[in-house]
Structures are given as structure tokens and as C-alpha cells.
Amino acid sequence: MIDPKHLSTILEKFQKRFTPPQASVEKRVAELICELTSLTVTADQITYNVLSRTISIQVPSILKSELQHHKTAILGRLEKEMGVTNCPKTIY
């Protein structure tokens, strides 16, 4: 039988090594925006660049300025969920 602590250590190593797929990051960002703000954004309106770790949101400029107020909260939640090395760094 596998020790649960040993299994969680192995899973942590995988989480630190592998980056999440682009589509799953885009979907999670859309969910977080809906959770943290009163705005409704779909995953189709979000583009994630894996190499530069940047999120681009295609919404009107007034909504972008509203999202800038929640930028640190969104990035903080993503960092908690994905780990420091895998999470997006900036939102445009």
C-alpha cells in the first residue's frame, strides 16, 4: 500500500515540473474573473501565451480597466492553484 504522504510528495513534484495546458489556464482565468468580479467573460475572450506567461483579454477598454483593479487578486489565486513557476505573470 502506498503511503498517502509519499503520494502527495510525488504529486507536488509533478505539479512543479509540468505546466498546465493553455486552454485550461484560459478557462480558469475566465472562471476566476466571474467569481471575483461581477463581469462575465468567456474563455474565448482570453488568450494565454505559455512562453511569456501573459494573459490577454479581448474585452472593451472600460471592462479592462475594471479588471485591472482585480489583477492582483486574480494572479494571486492562480499562483496558489498552479504554483509559482507555472502561473501567469501579467494580465493585459
Protein backbone atom coordinates (compact mmCIF):
# COMPACT_ATOMS: atom_id res chain seq x y z
CA MET A 1 0.00 0.00 0.00
CA ILE A 2 1.25 3.49 -0.85
CA ASP A 3 1.76 5.95 1.97
CA PRO A 4 -0.55 9.00 1.42
CA LYS A 5 2.22 11.42 2.43
CA HIS A 6 4.58 9.86 -0.09
CA LEU A 7 1.92 10.07 -2.79
CA SER A 8 1.27 13.75 -2.06
CA THR A 9 5.01 14.43 -2.30
CA ILE A 10 5.13 12.77 -5.70
CA LEU A 11 2.12 14.77 -6.89
CA GLU A 12 3.73 18.02 -5.71
CA LYS A 13 6.81 17.22 -7.79
CA PHE A 14 4.65 16.70 -10.88
CA GLN A 15 2.79 19.95 -10.23
CA LYS A 16 6.07 21.86 -10.06
CA ARG A 17 7.52 20.30 -13.22
CA PHE A 18 4.64 20.31 -15.65
CA THR A 19 2.92 23.38 -16.98
CA PRO A 20 -0.86 23.37 -17.40
CA PRO A 21 -2.25 23.39 -20.95
CA GLN A 22 -3.09 26.73 -22.48
CA ALA A 23 -6.82 26.02 -22.72
CA SER A 24 -7.13 25.07 -19.06
CA VAL A 25 -5.43 28.30 -17.98
CA GLU A 26 -7.76 30.34 -20.19
CA LYS A 27 -10.81 28.55 -18.80
CA ARG A 28 -9.67 29.01 -15.17
CA VAL A 29 -8.98 32.72 -15.70
CA ALA A 30 -12.50 33.18 -17.09
CA GLU A 31 -13.94 31.37 -14.06
CA LEU A 32 -11.91 33.48 -11.64
CA ILE A 33 -12.97 36.71 -13.29
CA CYS A 34 -16.62 35.68 -12.91
CA GLU A 35 -16.03 34.68 -9.26
CA LEU A 36 -14.12 37.80 -8.20
CA THR A 37 -15.99 40.42 -10.22
CA SER A 38 -19.49 40.99 -11.48
CA LEU A 39 -18.23 40.70 -15.07
CA THR A 40 -18.97 37.80 -17.39
CA VAL A 41 -16.01 36.76 -19.52
CA THR A 42 -15.78 33.60 -21.61
CA ALA A 43 -12.68 31.52 -22.27
CA ASP A 44 -12.92 32.57 -25.95
CA GLN A 45 -12.15 36.14 -24.93
CA ILE A 46 -8.94 35.13 -23.16
CA THR A 47 -5.61 34.30 -24.77
CA TYR A 48 -2.72 32.82 -22.78
CA ASN A 49 0.86 32.87 -24.09
CA VAL A 50 2.70 29.98 -22.43
CA LEU A 51 6.22 31.21 -23.24
CA SER A 52 5.82 34.74 -21.88
CA ARG A 53 3.21 33.64 -19.29
CA THR A 54 0.93 36.55 -20.14
CA ILE A 55 -2.85 36.69 -20.31
CA SER A 56 -4.54 38.89 -22.88
CA ILE A 57 -8.23 39.64 -22.50
CA GLN A 58 -10.25 40.82 -25.51
CA VAL A 59 -12.97 42.93 -23.92
CA PRO A 60 -13.88 46.64 -24.26
CA SER A 61 -11.43 49.03 -22.63
CA ILE A 62 -13.83 50.04 -19.85
CA LEU A 63 -14.03 46.40 -18.75
CA LYS A 64 -10.24 46.07 -18.96
CA SER A 65 -9.82 49.00 -16.60
CA GLU A 66 -12.25 47.33 -14.18
CA LEU A 67 -10.24 44.11 -14.38
CA GLN A 68 -7.03 45.99 -13.57
CA HIS A 69 -8.48 46.66 -10.10
CA HIS A 70 -8.76 42.90 -9.55
CA LYS A 71 -5.48 41.98 -11.26
CA THR A 72 -3.54 41.15 -8.08
CA ALA A 73 -6.37 39.01 -6.68
CA ILE A 74 -6.67 37.03 -9.93
CA LEU A 75 -2.92 36.47 -10.24
CA GLY A 76 -2.69 35.55 -6.55
CA ARG A 77 -5.36 32.87 -6.87
CA LEU A 78 -3.72 31.48 -10.00
CA GLU A 79 -0.37 31.35 -8.21
CA LYS A 80 -1.93 29.39 -5.34
CA GLU A 81 -3.58 26.91 -7.67
CA MET A 82 -0.83 26.43 -10.26
CA GLY A 83 2.35 27.10 -8.32
CA VAL A 84 4.78 29.97 -8.65
CA THR A 85 6.68 28.62 -11.66
CA ASN A 86 3.60 27.72 -13.73
CA CYS A 87 1.24 30.62 -13.12
CA PRO A 88 0.76 33.60 -15.43
CA LYS A 89 2.75 36.73 -14.56
CA THR A 90 0.78 39.53 -16.14
CA ILE A 91 -2.66 40.39 -17.47
CA TYR A 92 -3.16 42.77 -20.41
